[in-house]
Amino acid sequence: MKTTQTTLAIIALAIGGLAWLPAGCAGSATRESTGEYVDDSTITTKVKTEFVQDSSVKALDIKVETFKGVVSLSGFVDTPDQKSRAAQLAAGVPGVHDVKNNITVK
């Protein structure tokens, strides 16, 4: 039950964060278009959901950011296996082009 509530909270936060987007903005090398932002927000939400559903990953201790399909992971975990598992889960999400694993092992 807690997993479902956490997943729903993550999804609600991600969707709520889209409300401020201006319509029709074009992207550049350093800035996402509106469509890319929505795609990246969806990827971030899916990665976080994978983390919540996997008991070996400390979902709340890992920050996930996505820019143009590249997922950046940061935060702290207890073991190298947790770090590797987080990267593996993120890489398995559709739309992810690359994973930058900057997670620190305590």
PDB file of N, CA and C in Angstrom:
ATOM      1  N   MET A   1       0.824  -1.185   0.000  1.00  0.00           N
ATOM      2  CA  MET A   1       0.000   0.000   0.000  1.00  0.00           C
ATOM      3  C   MET A   1       0.876   1.259   0.000  1.00  0.00           C
ATOM      4  N   LYS A   2       1.944   1.240   0.797  1.00  0.00           N
ATOM      5  CA  LYS A   2       2.827   2.393   0.861  1.00  0.00           C
ATOM      6  C   LYS A   2       3.485   2.652  -0.490  1.00  0.00           C
ATOM      7  N   THR A   3       3.858   1.574  -1.190  1.00  0.00           N
ATOM      8  CA  THR A   3       4.480   1.714  -2.507  1.00  0.00           C
ATOM      9  C   THR A   3       3.519   2.391  -3.479  1.00  0.00           C
ATOM     10  N   THR A   4       2.272   1.988  -3.464  1.00  0.00           N
ATOM     11  CA  THR A   4       1.265   2.588  -4.351  1.00  0.00           C
ATOM     12  C   THR A   4       1.089   4.066  -4.032  1.00  0.00           C
ATOM     13  N   GLN A   5       1.024   4.410  -2.768  1.00  0.00           N
ATOM     14  CA  GLN A   5       0.870   5.811  -2.371  1.00  0.00           C
ATOM     15  C   GLN A   5       2.079   6.635  -2.791  1.00  0.00           C
ATOM     16  N   THR A   6       3.259   6.089  -2.627  1.00  0.00           N
ATOM     17  CA  THR A   6       4.473   6.797  -3.017  1.00  0.00           C
ATOM     18  C   THR A   6       4.522   6.995  -4.524  1.00  0.00           C
ATOM     19  N   THR A   7       4.175   5.954  -5.267  1.00  0.00           N
ATOM     20  CA  THR A   7       4.163   6.049  -6.725  1.00  0.00           C
ATOM     21  C   THR A   7       3.174   7.114  -7.185  1.00  0.00           C
ATOM     22  N   LEU A   8       1.988   7.104  -6.619  1.00  0.00           N
ATOM     23  CA  LEU A   8       0.982   8.107  -6.983  1.00  0.00           C
ATOM     24  C   LEU A   8       1.439   9.515  -6.625  1.00  0.00           C
ATOM     25  N   ALA A   9       2.118   9.664  -5.509  1.00  0.00           N
ATOM     26  CA  ALA A   9       2.633  10.980  -5.116  1.00  0.00           C
ATOM     27  C   ALA A   9       3.679  11.473  -6.103  1.00  0.00           C
ATOM     28  N   ILE A  10       4.560  10.589  -6.551  1.00  0.00           N
ATOM     29  CA  ILE A  10       5.594  10.967  -7.523  1.00  0.00           C
ATOM     30  C   ILE A  10       4.951  11.401  -8.832  1.00  0.00           C
ATOM     31  N   ILE A  11       3.976  10.633  -9.293  1.00  0.00           N
ATOM     32  CA  ILE A  11       3.293  10.968 -10.547  1.00  0.00           C
ATOM     33  C   ILE A  11       2.573  12.300 -10.426  1.00  0.00           C
ATOM     34  N   ALA A  12       1.891  12.529  -9.315  1.00  0.00           N
ATOM     35  CA  ALA A  12       1.171  13.792  -9.116  1.00  0.00           C
ATOM     36  C   ALA A  12       2.129  14.978  -9.103  1.00  0.00           C
ATOM     37  N   LEU A  13       3.276  14.824  -8.464  1.00  0.00           N
ATOM     38  CA  LEU A  13       4.262  15.907  -8.443  1.00  0.00           C
ATOM     39  C   LEU A  13       4.799  16.201  -9.834  1.00  0.00           C
ATOM     40  N   ALA A  14       5.049  15.152 -10.598  1.00  0.00           N
ATOM     41  CA  ALA A  14       5.580  15.346 -11.947  1.00  0.00           C
ATOM     42  C   ALA A  14       4.563  16.036 -12.844  1.00  0.00           C
ATOM     43  N   ILE A  15       3.311  15.616 -12.770  1.00  0.00           N
ATOM     44  CA  ILE A  15       2.271  16.235 -13.596  1.00  0.00           C
ATOM     45  C   ILE A  15       2.017  17.670 -13.155  1.00  0.00           C
ATOM     46  N   GLY A  16       1.990  17.914 -11.878  1.00  0.00           N
ATOM     47  CA  GLY A  16       1.773  19.264 -11.359  1.00  0.00           C
ATOM     48  C   GLY A  16       2.875  20.218 -11.768  1.00  0.00           C
ATOM     49  N   GLY A  17       4.085  19.711 -11.939  1.00  0.00           N
ATOM     50  CA  GLY A  17       5.215  20.542 -12.335  1.00  0.00           C
ATOM     51  C   GLY A  17       5.149  21.015 -13.774  1.00  0.00           C
ATOM     52  N   LEU A  18       4.258  20.436 -14.569  1.00  0.00           N
ATOM     53  CA  LEU A  18       4.146  20.806 -15.978  1.00  0.00           C
ATOM     54  C   LEU A  18       3.247  22.012 -16.204  1.00  0.00           C
ATOM     55  N   ALA A  19       2.475  22.412 -15.213  1.00  0.00           N
ATOM     56  CA  ALA A  19       1.475  23.462 -15.391  1.00  0.00           C
ATOM     57  C   ALA A  19       2.069  24.815 -15.773  1.00  0.00           C
ATOM     58  N   TRP A  20       3.293  25.095 -15.394  1.00  0.00           N
ATOM     59  CA  TRP A  20       3.877  26.412 -15.645  1.00  0.00           C
ATOM     60  C   TRP A  20       4.505  26.538 -17.028  1.00  0.00           C
ATOM     61  N   LEU A  21       4.550  25.456 -17.799  1.00  0.00           N
ATOM     62  CA  LEU A  21       5.229  25.488 -19.096  1.00  0.00           C
ATOM     63  C   LEU A  21       4.556  26.432 -20.086  1.00  0.00           C
ATOM     64  N   PRO A  22       5.324  27.300 -20.731  1.00  0.00           N
ATOM     65  CA  PRO A  22       4.758  28.118 -21.801  1.00  0.00           C
ATOM     66  C   PRO A  22       4.549  27.261 -23.038  1.00  0.00           C
ATOM     67  N   ALA A  23       3.532  27.570 -23.812  1.00  0.00           N
ATOM     68  CA  ALA A  23       3.217  26.775 -25.000  1.00  0.00           C
ATOM     69  C   ALA A  23       4.144  27.143 -26.154  1.00  0.00           C
ATOM     70  N   GLY A  24       4.537  26.146 -26.956  1.00  0.00           N
ATOM     71  CA  GLY A  24       5.238  26.377 -28.200  1.00  0.00           C
ATOM     72  C   GLY A  24       6.682  26.821 -28.107  1.00  0.00           C
ATOM     73  N   CYS A  25       7.375  26.521 -27.046  1.00  0.00           N
ATOM     74  CA  CYS A  25       8.773  26.938 -26.919  1.00  0.00           C
ATOM     75  C   CYS A  25       9.672  25.972 -27.672  1.00  0.00           C
ATOM     76  N   ALA A  26      10.570  26.505 -28.474  1.00  0.00           N
ATOM     77  CA  ALA A  26      11.524  25.684 -29.212  1.00  0.00           C
ATOM     78  C   ALA A  26      12.722  25.372 -28.334  1.00  0.00           C
ATOM     79  N   GLY A  27      13.339  24.237 -28.590  1.00  0.00           N
ATOM     80  CA  GLY A  27      14.508  23.843 -27.821  1.00  0.00           C
ATOM     81  C   GLY A  27      15.799  24.294 -28.481  1.00  0.00           C
ATOM     82  N   SER A  28      16.878  24.156 -27.753  1.00  0.00           N
ATOM     83  CA  SER A  28      18.220  24.444 -28.257  1.00  0.00           C
ATOM     84  C   SER A  28      19.164  23.421 -27.633  1.00  0.00           C
ATOM     85  N   ALA A  29      20.454  23.595 -27.834  1.00  0.00           N
ATOM     86  CA  ALA A  29      21.421  22.650 -27.278  1.00  0.00           C
ATOM     87  C   ALA A  29      21.418  22.659 -25.751  1.00  0.00           C
ATOM     88  N   THR A  30      21.066  23.774 -25.154  1.00  0.00           N
ATOM     89  CA  THR A  30      21.092  23.887 -23.693  1.00  0.00           C
ATOM     90  C   THR A  30      19.710  24.037 -23.076  1.00  0.00           C
ATOM     91  N   ARG A  31      18.684  24.046 -23.912  1.00  0.00           N
ATOM     92  CA  ARG A  31      17.322  24.243 -23.412  1.00  0.00           C
ATOM     93  C   ARG A  31      16.372  23.296 -24.135  1.00  0.00           C
ATOM     94  N   GLU A  32      15.493  22.671 -23.376  1.00  0.00           N
ATOM     95  CA  GLU A  32      14.544  21.731 -23.948  1.00  0.00           C
ATOM     96  C   GLU A  32      13.344  22.445 -24.554  1.00  0.00           C
ATOM     97  N   SER A  33      12.789  21.852 -25.584  1.00  0.00           N
ATOM     98  CA  SER A  33      11.500  22.321 -26.088  1.00  0.00           C
ATOM     99  C   SER A  33      10.428  21.846 -25.108  1.00  0.00           C
ATOM    100  N   THR A  34       9.222  22.336 -25.264  1.00  0.00           N
ATOM    101  CA  THR A  34       8.129  21.918 -24.381  1.00  0.00           C
ATOM    102  C   THR A  34       7.921  20.410 -24.481  1.00  0.00           C
ATOM    103  N   GLY A  35       7.936  19.886 -25.695  1.00  0.00           N
ATOM    104  CA  GLY A  35       7.758  18.444 -25.879  1.00  0.00           C
ATOM    105  C   GLY A  35       8.858  17.637 -25.232  1.00  0.00           C
ATOM    106  N   GLU A  36      10.098  18.096 -25.349  1.00  0.00           N
ATOM    107  CA  GLU A  36      11.222  17.402 -24.722  1.00  0.00           C
ATOM    108  C   GLU A  36      11.091  17.445 -23.207  1.00  0.00           C
ATOM    109  N   TYR A  37      10.632  18.579 -22.690  1.00  0.00           N
ATOM    110  CA  TYR A  37      10.458  18.699 -21.236  1.00  0.00           C
ATOM    111  C   TYR A  37       9.434  17.695 -20.742  1.00  0.00           C
ATOM    112  N   VAL A  38       8.329  17.585 -21.471  1.00  0.00           N
ATOM    113  CA  VAL A  38       7.289  16.630 -21.085  1.00  0.00           C
ATOM    114  C   VAL A  38       7.835  15.208 -21.162  1.00  0.00           C
ATOM    115  N   ASP A  39       8.548  14.892 -22.244  1.00  0.00           N
ATOM    116  CA  ASP A  39       9.149  13.560 -22.382  1.00  0.00           C
ATOM    117  C   ASP A  39      10.114  13.281 -21.238  1.00  0.00           C
ATOM    118  N   ASP A  40      10.965  14.233 -20.914  1.00  0.00           N
ATOM    119  CA  ASP A  40      11.944  14.048 -19.842  1.00  0.00           C
ATOM    120  C   ASP A  40      11.274  13.927 -18.484  1.00  0.00           C
ATOM    121  N   SER A  41      10.203  14.669 -18.268  1.00  0.00           N
ATOM    122  CA  SER A  41       9.463  14.552 -17.007  1.00  0.00           C
ATOM    123  C   SER A  41       8.852  13.163 -16.876  1.00  0.00           C
ATOM    124  N   THR A  42       8.364  12.638 -17.985  1.00  0.00           N
ATOM    125  CA  THR A  42       7.806  11.292 -17.986  1.00  0.00           C
ATOM    126  C   THR A  42       8.884  10.262 -17.687  1.00  0.00           C
ATOM    127  N   ILE A  43      10.049  10.412 -18.302  1.00  0.00           N
ATOM    128  CA  ILE A  43      11.168   9.499 -18.045  1.00  0.00           C
ATOM    129  C   ILE A  43      11.564   9.555 -16.572  1.00  0.00           C
ATOM    130  N   THR A  44      11.701  10.757 -16.027  1.00  0.00           N
ATOM    131  CA  THR A  44      12.067  10.908 -14.611  1.00  0.00           C
ATOM    132  C   THR A  44      11.063  10.198 -13.718  1.00  0.00           C
ATOM    133  N   THR A  45       9.785  10.381 -13.998  1.00  0.00           N
ATOM    134  CA  THR A  45       8.731   9.746 -13.199  1.00  0.00           C
ATOM    135  C   THR A  45       8.820   8.227 -13.300  1.00  0.00           C
ATOM    136  N   LYS A  46       9.062   7.718 -14.497  1.00  0.00           N
ATOM    137  CA  LYS A  46       9.160   6.268 -14.674  1.00  0.00           C
ATOM    138  C   LYS A  46      10.384   5.701 -13.958  1.00  0.00           C
ATOM    139  N   VAL A  47      11.504   6.412 -13.985  1.00  0.00           N
ATOM    140  CA  VAL A  47      12.697   5.953 -13.277  1.00  0.00           C
ATOM    141  C   VAL A  47      12.429   5.926 -11.771  1.00  0.00           C
ATOM    142  N   LYS A  48      11.824   6.980 -11.251  1.00  0.00           N
ATOM    143  CA  LYS A  48      11.516   7.027  -9.813  1.00  0.00           C
ATOM    144  C   LYS A  48      10.559   5.903  -9.432  1.00  0.00           C
ATOM    145  N   THR A  49       9.596   5.617 -10.299  1.00  0.00           N
ATOM    146  CA  THR A  49       8.648   4.532 -10.037  1.00  0.00           C
ATOM    147  C   THR A  49       9.377   3.193  -9.987  1.00  0.00           C
ATOM    148  N   GLU A  50      10.324   2.981 -10.900  1.00  0.00           N
ATOM    149  CA  GLU A  50      11.133   1.752 -10.876  1.00  0.00           C
ATOM    150  C   GLU A  50      11.894   1.638  -9.560  1.00  0.00           C
ATOM    151  N   PHE A  51      12.445   2.753  -9.088  1.00  0.00           N
ATOM    152  CA  PHE A  51      13.179   2.746  -7.827  1.00  0.00           C
ATOM    153  C   PHE A  51      12.274   2.383  -6.656  1.00  0.00           C
ATOM    154  N   VAL A  52      11.070   2.950  -6.627  1.00  0.00           N
ATOM    155  CA  VAL A  52      10.132   2.682  -5.539  1.00  0.00           C
ATOM    156  C   VAL A  52       9.736   1.208  -5.519  1.00  0.00           C
ATOM    157  N   GLN A  53       9.597   0.630  -6.694  1.00  0.00           N
ATOM    158  CA  GLN A  53       9.143  -0.767  -6.792  1.00  0.00           C
ATOM    159  C   GLN A  53      10.260  -1.778  -6.553  1.00  0.00           C
ATOM    160  N   ASP A  54      11.508  -1.349  -6.527  1.00  0.00           N
ATOM    161  CA  ASP A  54      12.637  -2.250  -6.313  1.00  0.00           C
ATOM    162  C   ASP A  54      13.122  -2.093  -4.873  1.00  0.00           C
ATOM    163  N   SER A  55      13.029  -3.173  -4.110  1.00  0.00           N
ATOM    164  CA  SER A  55      13.364  -3.096  -2.685  1.00  0.00           C
ATOM    165  C   SER A  55      14.859  -2.889  -2.426  1.00  0.00           C
ATOM    166  N   SER A  56      15.715  -3.133  -3.412  1.00  0.00           N
ATOM    167  CA  SER A  56      17.148  -2.985  -3.184  1.00  0.00           C
ATOM    168  C   SER A  56      17.642  -1.554  -3.389  1.00  0.00           C
ATOM    169  N   VAL A  57      16.788  -0.686  -3.951  1.00  0.00           N
ATOM    170  CA  VAL A  57      17.182   0.696  -4.219  1.00  0.00           C
ATOM    171  C   VAL A  57      16.498   1.618  -3.213  1.00  0.00           C
ATOM    172  N   LYS A  58      17.273   2.531  -2.649  1.00  0.00           N
ATOM    173  CA  LYS A  58      16.728   3.500  -1.694  1.00  0.00           C
ATOM    174  C   LYS A  58      16.178   4.692  -2.480  1.00  0.00           C
ATOM    175  N   ALA A  59      14.919   4.554  -2.901  1.00  0.00           N
ATOM    176  CA  ALA A  59      14.305   5.516  -3.823  1.00  0.00           C
ATOM    177  C   ALA A  59      14.362   6.954  -3.319  1.00  0.00           C
ATOM    178  N   LEU A  60      14.177   7.158  -2.044  1.00  0.00           N
ATOM    179  CA  LEU A  60      14.124   8.524  -1.514  1.00  0.00           C
ATOM    180  C   LEU A  60      15.506   9.143  -1.344  1.00  0.00           C
ATOM    181  N   ASP A  61      16.546   8.327  -1.437  1.00  0.00           N
ATOM    182  CA  ASP A  61      17.915   8.827  -1.281  1.00  0.00           C
ATOM    183  C   ASP A  61      18.607   9.132  -2.610  1.00  0.00           C
ATOM    184  N   ILE A  62      17.896   8.875  -3.713  1.00  0.00           N
ATOM    185  CA  ILE A  62      18.489   9.083  -5.035  1.00  0.00           C
ATOM    186  C   ILE A  62      17.710  10.153  -5.787  1.00  0.00           C
ATOM    187  N   LYS A  63      18.433  11.161  -6.258  1.00  0.00           N
ATOM    188  CA  LYS A  63      17.833  12.235  -7.048  1.00  0.00           C
ATOM    189  C   LYS A  63      17.942  11.860  -8.521  1.00  0.00           C
ATOM    190  N   VAL A  64      16.855  12.083  -9.262  1.00  0.00           N
ATOM    191  CA  VAL A  64      16.810  11.753 -10.680  1.00  0.00           C
ATOM    192  C   VAL A  64      16.496  13.019 -11.466  1.00  0.00           C
ATOM    193  N   GLU A  65      17.346  13.329 -12.440  1.00  0.00           N
ATOM    194  CA  GLU A  65      17.102  14.451 -13.349  1.00  0.00           C
ATOM    195  C   GLU A  65      17.296  13.938 -14.768  1.00  0.00           C
ATOM    196  N   THR A  66      16.461  14.418 -15.697  1.00  0.00           N
ATOM    197  CA  THR A  66      16.562  13.994 -17.091  1.00  0.00           C
ATOM    198  C   THR A  66      16.630  15.219 -17.983  1.00  0.00           C
ATOM    199  N   PHE A  67      17.580  15.209 -18.928  1.00  0.00           N
ATOM    200  CA  PHE A  67      17.705  16.281 -19.909  1.00  0.00           C
ATOM    201  C   PHE A  67      17.956  15.648 -21.270  1.00  0.00           C
ATOM    202  N   LYS A  68      16.991  15.812 -22.149  1.00  0.00           N
ATOM    203  CA  LYS A  68      17.071  15.274 -23.515  1.00  0.00           C
ATOM    204  C   LYS A  68      17.382  13.775 -23.526  1.00  0.00           C
ATOM    205  N   GLY A  69      16.706  13.043 -22.648  1.00  0.00           N
ATOM    206  CA  GLY A  69      16.839  11.594 -22.601  1.00  0.00           C
ATOM    207  C   GLY A  69      18.027  11.069 -21.823  1.00  0.00           C
ATOM    208  N   VAL A  70      18.850  11.957 -21.289  1.00  0.00           N
ATOM    209  CA  VAL A  70      20.000  11.543 -20.486  1.00  0.00           C
ATOM    210  C   VAL A  70      19.617  11.679 -19.004  1.00  0.00           C
ATOM    211  N   VAL A  71      19.622  10.564 -18.311  1.00  0.00           N
ATOM    212  CA  VAL A  71      19.233  10.531 -16.906  1.00  0.00           C
ATOM    213  C   VAL A  71      20.476  10.694 -16.040  1.00  0.00           C
ATOM    214  N   SER A  72      20.423  11.650 -15.119  1.00  0.00           N
ATOM    215  CA  SER A  72      21.513  11.866 -14.159  1.00  0.00           C
ATOM    216  C   SER A  72      21.033  11.431 -12.783  1.00  0.00           C
ATOM    217  N   LEU A  73      21.781  10.540 -12.175  1.00  0.00           N
ATOM    218  CA  LEU A  73      21.462  10.035 -10.843  1.00  0.00           C
ATOM    219  C   LEU A  73      22.476  10.590  -9.847  1.00  0.00           C
ATOM    220  N   SER A  74      21.986  11.042  -8.704  1.00  0.00           N
ATOM    221  CA  SER A  74      22.871  11.507  -7.641  1.00  0.00           C
ATOM    222  C   SER A  74      22.243  11.153  -6.302  1.00  0.00           C
ATOM    223  N   GLY A  75      23.026  11.230  -5.261  1.00  0.00           N
ATOM    224  CA  GLY A  75      22.551  10.890  -3.931  1.00  0.00           C
ATOM    225  C   GLY A  75      23.490   9.896  -3.283  1.00  0.00           C
ATOM    226  N   PHE A  76      22.975   9.174  -2.299  1.00  0.00           N
ATOM    227  CA  PHE A  76      23.799   8.262  -1.514  1.00  0.00           C
ATOM    228  C   PHE A  76      23.128   6.912  -1.362  1.00  0.00           C
ATOM    229  N   VAL A  77      23.938   5.854  -1.452  1.00  0.00           N
ATOM    230  CA  VAL A  77      23.477   4.492  -1.194  1.00  0.00           C
ATOM    231  C   VAL A  77      24.497   3.804  -0.299  1.00  0.00           C
ATOM    232  N   ASP A  78      24.127   2.628   0.206  1.00  0.00           N
ATOM    233  CA  ASP A  78      24.991   1.920   1.145  1.00  0.00           C
ATOM    234  C   ASP A  78      26.021   1.003   0.484  1.00  0.00           C
ATOM    235  N   THR A  79      25.708   0.500  -0.714  1.00  0.00           N
ATOM    236  CA  THR A  79      26.595  -0.483  -1.340  1.00  0.00           C
ATOM    237  C   THR A  79      26.807  -0.191  -2.831  1.00  0.00           C
ATOM    238  N   PRO A  80      27.901  -0.687  -3.382  1.00  0.00           N
ATOM    239  CA  PRO A  80      28.115  -0.565  -4.826  1.00  0.00           C
ATOM    240  C   PRO A  80      27.018  -1.269  -5.633  1.00  0.00           C
ATOM    241  N   ASP A  81      26.478  -2.372  -5.087  1.00  0.00           N
ATOM    242  CA  ASP A  81      25.398  -3.090  -5.776  1.00  0.00           C
ATOM    243  C   ASP A  81      24.151  -2.213  -5.915  1.00  0.00           C
ATOM    244  N   GLN A  82      23.844  -1.426  -4.888  1.00  0.00           N
ATOM    245  CA  GLN A  82      22.689  -0.513  -4.967  1.00  0.00           C
ATOM    246  C   GLN A  82      22.927   0.548  -6.038  1.00  0.00           C
ATOM    247  N   LYS A  83      24.143   1.047  -6.131  1.00  0.00           N
ATOM    248  CA  LYS A  83      24.486   2.041  -7.144  1.00  0.00           C
ATOM    249  C   LYS A  83      24.306   1.447  -8.541  1.00  0.00           C
ATOM    250  N   SER A  84      24.831   0.251  -8.737  1.00  0.00           N
ATOM    251  CA  SER A  84      24.720  -0.417 -10.034  1.00  0.00           C
ATOM    252  C   SER A  84      23.273  -0.722 -10.385  1.00  0.00           C
ATOM    253  N   ARG A  85      22.514  -1.174  -9.411  1.00  0.00           N
ATOM    254  CA  ARG A  85      21.101  -1.518  -9.649  1.00  0.00           C
ATOM    255  C   ARG A  85      20.306  -0.287 -10.055  1.00  0.00           C
ATOM    256  N   ALA A  86      20.573   0.843  -9.431  1.00  0.00           N
ATOM    257  CA  ALA A  86      19.879   2.078  -9.784  1.00  0.00           C
ATOM    258  C   ALA A  86      20.145   2.452 -11.243  1.00  0.00           C
ATOM    259  N   ALA A  87      21.394   2.345 -11.670  1.00  0.00           N
ATOM    260  CA  ALA A  87      21.745   2.653 -13.057  1.00  0.00           C
ATOM    261  C   ALA A  87      21.093   1.665 -14.009  1.00  0.00           C
ATOM    262  N   GLN A  88      21.064   0.413 -13.628  1.00  0.00           N
ATOM    263  CA  GLN A  88      20.451  -0.628 -14.457  1.00  0.00           C
ATOM    264  C   GLN A  88      18.951  -0.363 -14.630  1.00  0.00           C
ATOM    265  N   LEU A  89      18.270  -0.032 -13.551  1.00  0.00           N
ATOM    266  CA  LEU A  89      16.834   0.267 -13.624  1.00  0.00           C
ATOM    267  C   LEU A  89      16.571   1.484 -14.507  1.00  0.00           C
ATOM    268  N   ALA A  90      17.377   2.527 -14.328  1.00  0.00           N
ATOM    269  CA  ALA A  90      17.190   3.749 -15.112  1.00  0.00           C
ATOM    270  C   ALA A  90      17.408   3.467 -16.597  1.00  0.00           C
ATOM    271  N   ALA A  91      18.430   2.701 -16.923  1.00  0.00           N
ATOM    272  CA  ALA A  91      18.746   2.402 -18.328  1.00  0.00           C
ATOM    273  C   ALA A  91      17.640   1.590 -18.998  1.00  0.00           C
ATOM    274  N   GLY A  92      16.866   0.858 -18.207  1.00  0.00           N
ATOM    275  CA  GLY A  92      15.806   0.023 -18.753  1.00  0.00           C
ATOM    276  C   GLY A  92      14.513   0.756 -19.062  1.00  0.00           C
ATOM    277  N   VAL A  93      14.437   2.026 -18.701  1.00  0.00           N
ATOM    278  CA  VAL A  93      13.217   2.804 -18.949  1.00  0.00           C
ATOM    279  C   VAL A  93      13.198   3.259 -20.412  1.00  0.00           C
ATOM    280  N   PRO A  94      12.082   3.037 -21.104  1.00  0.00           N
ATOM    281  CA  PRO A  94      11.988   3.481 -22.502  1.00  0.00           C
ATOM    282  C   PRO A  94      12.229   4.986 -22.635  1.00  0.00           C
ATOM    283  N   GLY A  95      13.003   5.371 -23.635  1.00  0.00           N
ATOM    284  CA  GLY A  95      13.299   6.782 -23.872  1.00  0.00           C
ATOM    285  C   GLY A  95      14.615   7.241 -23.284  1.00  0.00           C
ATOM    286  N   VAL A  96      15.231   6.426 -22.423  1.00  0.00           N
ATOM    287  CA  VAL A  96      16.518   6.784 -21.821  1.00  0.00           C
ATOM    288  C   VAL A  96      17.626   6.484 -22.829  1.00  0.00           C
ATOM    289  N   HIS A  97      18.396   7.517 -23.176  1.00  0.00           N
ATOM    290  CA  HIS A  97      19.495   7.376 -24.122  1.00  0.00           C
ATOM    291  C   HIS A  97      20.812   7.070 -23.416  1.00  0.00           C
ATOM    292  N   ASP A  98      20.966   7.584 -22.188  1.00  0.00           N
ATOM    293  CA  ASP A  98      22.211   7.402 -21.442  1.00  0.00           C
ATOM    294  C   ASP A  98      21.920   7.624 -19.966  1.00  0.00           C
ATOM    295  N   VAL A  99      22.753   7.061 -19.107  1.00  0.00           N
ATOM    296  CA  VAL A  99      22.624   7.245 -17.661  1.00  0.00           C
ATOM    297  C   VAL A  99      23.957   7.738 -17.119  1.00  0.00           C
ATOM    298  N   LYS A 100      23.944   8.876 -16.444  1.00  0.00           N
ATOM    299  CA  LYS A 100      25.116   9.403 -15.744  1.00  0.00           C
ATOM    300  C   LYS A 100      24.939   9.040 -14.273  1.00  0.00           C
ATOM    301  N   ASN A 101      25.729   8.086 -13.812  1.00  0.00           N
ATOM    302  CA  ASN A 101      25.575   7.594 -12.443  1.00  0.00           C
ATOM    303  C   ASN A 101      26.545   8.298 -11.513  1.00  0.00           C
ATOM    304  N   ASN A 102      26.075   9.346 -10.861  1.00  0.00           N
ATOM    305  CA  ASN A 102      26.885  10.125  -9.917  1.00  0.00           C
ATOM    306  C   ASN A 102      26.511   9.815  -8.474  1.00  0.00           C
ATOM    307  N   ILE A 103      25.954   8.640  -8.242  1.00  0.00           N
ATOM    308  CA  ILE A 103      25.580   8.232  -6.898  1.00  0.00           C
ATOM    309  C   ILE A 103      26.849   7.922  -6.102  1.00  0.00           C
ATOM    310  N   THR A 104      26.858   8.334  -4.855  1.00  0.00           N
ATOM    311  CA  THR A 104      27.998   8.104  -3.966  1.00  0.00           C
ATOM    312  C   THR A 104      27.669   6.946  -3.008  1.00  0.00           C
ATOM    313  N   VAL A 105      28.617   6.042  -2.860  1.00  0.00           N
ATOM    314  CA  VAL A 105      28.459   4.949  -1.900  1.00  0.00           C
ATOM    315  C   VAL A 105      28.984   5.438  -0.563  1.00  0.00           C
ATOM    316  N   LYS A 106      28.159   5.336   0.470  1.00  0.00           N
ATOM    317  CA  LYS A 106      28.540   5.805   1.819  1.00  0.00           C
ATOM    318  C   LYS A 106      29.617   4.921   2.407  1.00  0.00           C
TER     319      LYS A 106
END
